[in-house]
């Protein structure tokens, strides 16, 4: 479930609450598509309130990251719980995505790039 969206300048922050599974990722995919249509392609996903991520969700996320990076943007993750981080690492996705301990650090990484 996507709880809220906020922004800092040209960077959108999306807070995800609950499990990231195929249905919730479809909703996130649609939100990201809407942002890209508005030329907003710098996104921080706050996973601090995400309890579980399944493989289907990771597949959809990787697909979105490729699309966003193709438009000169990126998706960065922050505040991952240990069990969520383990899932990303186990599947090998953690090598593809920059992760940060805080929203501020993730936002700053865009500003420094």
Protein backbone atom coordinates (compact mmCIF):
# COMPACT_ATOMS: atom_id res chain seq x y z
CA UNK A 1 0.00 0.00 0.00
CA UNK A 2 1.24 3.49 -0.80
CA UNK A 3 0.61 5.81 2.11
CA UNK A 4 1.66 9.24 1.01
CA UNK A 5 3.69 11.16 -1.47
CA UNK A 6 5.69 14.26 -0.72
CA UNK A 7 8.45 16.07 -2.51
CA UNK A 8 11.64 18.01 -1.95
CA UNK A 9 12.25 20.24 -4.98
CA UNK A 10 12.32 17.83 -7.96
CA UNK A 11 12.55 14.66 -5.84
CA UNK A 12 9.40 12.70 -4.98
CA UNK A 13 9.24 10.66 -1.79
CA UNK A 14 6.79 7.78 -1.65
CA UNK A 15 6.18 6.08 1.68
CA UNK A 16 5.17 2.43 1.40
CA UNK A 17 3.22 0.86 4.26
CA UNK A 18 2.63 -2.84 4.79
CA UNK A 19 3.69 -5.61 2.46
CA UNK A 20 5.09 -5.00 -1.01
CA UNK A 21 3.49 -7.67 -3.12
CA UNK A 22 2.26 -7.85 -6.70
CA UNK A 23 -1.01 -5.91 -6.11
CA UNK A 24 0.65 -3.12 -4.13
CA UNK A 25 3.48 -2.89 -6.67
CA UNK A 26 0.97 -2.50 -9.50
CA UNK A 27 -0.41 0.54 -7.65
CA UNK A 28 3.14 1.84 -7.14
CA UNK A 29 3.95 1.17 -10.80
CA UNK A 30 0.97 3.29 -11.84
CA UNK A 31 2.01 6.10 -9.47
CA UNK A 32 5.55 6.04 -10.87
CA UNK A 33 4.22 6.10 -14.43
CA UNK A 34 2.14 9.17 -13.56
CA UNK A 35 5.21 10.89 -12.14
CA UNK A 36 7.25 10.08 -15.23
CA UNK A 37 4.53 11.50 -17.46
CA UNK A 38 5.08 14.78 -15.56
CA UNK A 39 8.88 14.49 -16.09
CA UNK A 40 9.40 13.69 -12.41
CA UNK A 41 11.93 10.89 -12.48
CA UNK A 42 13.80 11.20 -9.16
CA UNK A 43 12.09 9.05 -6.56
CA UNK A 44 12.87 7.95 -3.02
CA UNK A 45 10.89 4.95 -1.76
CA UNK A 46 10.65 5.03 2.03
CA UNK A 47 10.34 1.41 3.16
CA UNK A 48 10.47 2.13 6.90
CA UNK A 49 6.92 0.86 7.38
CA UNK A 50 7.20 -2.03 4.94
CA UNK A 51 7.14 -5.43 6.62
CA UNK A 52 7.66 -7.86 3.76
CA UNK A 53 8.65 -7.83 0.09
CA UNK A 54 7.85 -10.73 -2.22
CA UNK A 55 9.62 -11.79 -5.40
CA UNK A 56 6.90 -10.54 -7.74
CA UNK A 57 7.19 -7.08 -6.19
CA UNK A 58 10.96 -7.09 -6.65
CA UNK A 59 10.54 -7.98 -10.33
CA UNK A 60 8.14 -5.09 -10.86
CA UNK A 61 10.45 -2.73 -8.96
CA UNK A 62 13.46 -3.67 -11.10
CA UNK A 63 11.36 -3.08 -14.22
CA UNK A 64 10.39 0.41 -12.96
CA UNK A 65 13.98 1.25 -12.07
CA UNK A 66 15.14 0.39 -15.59
CA UNK A 67 12.40 2.58 -17.05
CA UNK A 68 13.16 5.52 -14.76
CA UNK A 69 16.90 5.27 -15.39
CA UNK A 70 16.17 5.21 -19.12
CA UNK A 71 14.69 8.69 -18.69
CA UNK A 72 17.81 9.95 -16.83
CA UNK A 73 16.28 9.49 -13.38
CA UNK A 74 16.59 6.99 -10.56
CA UNK A 75 14.78 5.31 -7.69
CA UNK A 76 16.51 5.11 -4.32
CA UNK A 77 15.39 3.29 -1.20
CA UNK A 78 15.57 4.30 2.43
CA UNK A 79 14.81 3.07 5.94
CA UNK A 80 14.67 -0.63 5.08
CA UNK A 81 13.95 -3.01 7.96
CA UNK A 82 16.51 -5.83 8.37
CA UNK A 83 14.18 -8.54 7.02
CA UNK A 84 13.32 -6.44 3.94
CA UNK A 85 17.03 -5.70 3.38
CA UNK A 86 17.78 -9.44 3.59
CA UNK A 87 15.22 -10.18 0.88
CA UNK A 88 16.75 -7.58 -1.44
CA UNK A 89 20.24 -8.93 -0.74
CA UNK A 90 19.25 -12.59 -1.10
CA UNK A 91 17.75 -11.99 -4.54
CA UNK A 92 20.67 -9.79 -5.62
CA UNK A 93 18.57 -6.68 -6.14
CA UNK A 94 20.49 -4.74 -3.49
CA UNK A 95 23.39 -4.43 -5.95
CA UNK A 96 21.15 -2.57 -8.41
CA UNK A 97 19.59 -0.02 -6.06
CA UNK A 98 21.14 2.60 -3.81
CA UNK A 99 19.86 2.34 -0.25
CA UNK A 100 20.12 4.86 2.58
CA UNK A 101 19.33 4.87 6.28
CA UNK A 102 17.26 8.09 6.12
CA UNK A 103 15.08 10.02 3.70
CA UNK A 104 17.42 13.00 3.98
CA UNK A 105 20.43 10.93 2.96
CA UNK A 106 18.55 9.54 -0.05
CA UNK A 107 17.40 13.02 -1.11
CA UNK A 108 20.91 14.42 -0.67
CA UNK A 109 22.33 11.69 -2.89
CA UNK A 110 20.28 13.09 -5.79
CA UNK A 111 21.46 16.61 -5.06
CA UNK A 112 25.12 15.51 -5.01
CA UNK A 113 24.92 13.55 -8.26
